[in-house]
């Protein structure tokens, strides 16, 4: 049996006043702000934690696939279809 995985593009803004998901931008990427600075992977870790909490899944199911040092990132989520992912993040 194969596990369900979905991917989403994220535009991350570190050093924000609070952790929040803002919705989609013009390019279709999910806009996310985190308080953590982009130092030693802190912002990436905060992103993974925020997405896992918002989606109601364990942190280990959220993986940063690419963009570790860029603002635009690709995140892979195990256990959710693309529709479930979109519903939980964008259309709550």
Protein backbone atom coordinates (compact mmCIF):
# COMPACT_ATOMS: atom_id res chain seq x y z
CA UNK A 1 0.00 0.00 0.00
CA UNK A 2 1.34 3.42 -0.89
CA UNK A 3 1.09 6.32 1.49
CA UNK A 4 -0.56 9.56 0.47
CA UNK A 5 1.75 12.54 0.07
CA UNK A 6 1.02 16.05 -1.13
CA UNK A 7 3.25 19.02 -1.86
CA UNK A 8 2.70 22.72 -1.43
CA UNK A 9 4.82 25.75 -2.30
CA UNK A 10 5.38 28.15 0.60
CA UNK A 11 6.62 31.74 0.58
CA UNK A 12 8.16 32.21 4.03
CA UNK A 13 8.73 35.51 5.82
CA UNK A 14 10.99 35.11 8.86
CA UNK A 15 11.31 37.60 11.75
CA UNK A 16 7.60 38.46 11.71
CA UNK A 17 5.70 39.75 14.72
CA UNK A 18 3.83 36.43 15.01
CA UNK A 19 3.47 32.98 13.45
CA UNK A 20 0.60 32.96 10.96
CA UNK A 21 -0.65 31.58 7.65
CA UNK A 22 -1.87 34.36 5.37
CA UNK A 23 -3.31 32.48 2.38
CA UNK A 24 -2.18 32.26 -1.23
CA UNK A 25 -0.18 34.89 -3.08
CA UNK A 26 -0.47 35.80 -6.78
CA UNK A 27 1.82 32.91 -7.80
CA UNK A 28 -0.26 30.37 -5.88
CA UNK A 29 2.24 29.89 -3.04
CA UNK A 30 1.05 29.74 0.56
CA UNK A 31 2.20 32.87 2.41
CA UNK A 32 3.48 32.12 5.90
CA UNK A 33 5.09 34.34 8.55
CA UNK A 34 7.15 33.05 11.48
CA UNK A 35 8.80 34.87 14.38
CA UNK A 36 12.02 32.84 14.11
CA UNK A 37 15.05 34.32 12.32
CA UNK A 38 16.52 32.62 9.23
CA UNK A 39 19.55 31.43 11.22
CA UNK A 40 20.64 27.79 11.62
CA UNK A 41 17.34 26.54 10.19
CA UNK A 42 15.24 28.17 12.93
CA UNK A 43 12.72 29.67 10.50
CA UNK A 44 12.38 26.36 8.64
CA UNK A 45 11.78 24.51 11.92
CA UNK A 46 9.16 27.09 12.94
CA UNK A 47 7.47 26.65 9.55
CA UNK A 48 7.31 22.86 9.95
CA UNK A 49 5.91 23.20 13.48
CA UNK A 50 3.27 25.74 12.42
CA UNK A 51 2.12 23.65 9.45
CA UNK A 52 1.95 20.45 11.52
CA UNK A 53 -0.06 22.18 14.26
CA UNK A 54 -2.44 23.82 11.76
CA UNK A 55 -2.95 20.56 9.85
CA UNK A 56 -3.43 18.54 13.02
CA UNK A 57 -0.68 16.04 12.16
CA UNK A 58 2.64 15.07 13.72
CA UNK A 59 5.69 17.16 12.91
CA UNK A 60 7.45 14.17 11.33
CA UNK A 61 4.82 14.11 8.57
CA UNK A 62 5.89 17.55 7.31
CA UNK A 63 9.14 17.65 5.32
CA UNK A 64 11.03 20.52 3.72
CA UNK A 65 11.82 19.16 0.23
CA UNK A 66 13.61 22.18 -1.26
CA UNK A 67 14.40 25.81 -0.55
CA UNK A 68 16.19 25.45 2.79
CA UNK A 69 17.98 28.77 2.30
CA UNK A 70 15.40 30.49 0.07
CA UNK A 71 12.13 32.24 0.84
CA UNK A 72 10.25 29.98 -1.57
CA UNK A 73 10.08 26.42 -0.28
CA UNK A 74 8.46 23.15 -1.27
CA UNK A 75 6.88 21.26 1.60
CA UNK A 76 5.76 17.63 1.44
CA UNK A 77 3.02 16.41 3.75
CA UNK A 78 2.40 12.71 4.39
CA UNK A 79 -1.06 11.37 5.08
CA UNK A 80 -3.13 14.12 3.44
CA UNK A 81 -4.43 14.46 -0.10
CA UNK A 82 -3.98 17.74 -1.97
CA UNK A 83 -7.66 18.55 -1.34
CA UNK A 84 -7.35 17.91 2.41
CA UNK A 85 -4.18 19.97 2.53
CA UNK A 86 -5.81 22.92 0.78
CA UNK A 87 -8.97 22.67 2.90
CA UNK A 88 -7.09 22.68 6.20
CA UNK A 89 -4.63 25.46 5.28
CA UNK A 90 -6.50 27.80 2.97
CA UNK A 91 -10.24 27.22 3.28
CA UNK A 92 -10.81 26.49 6.99
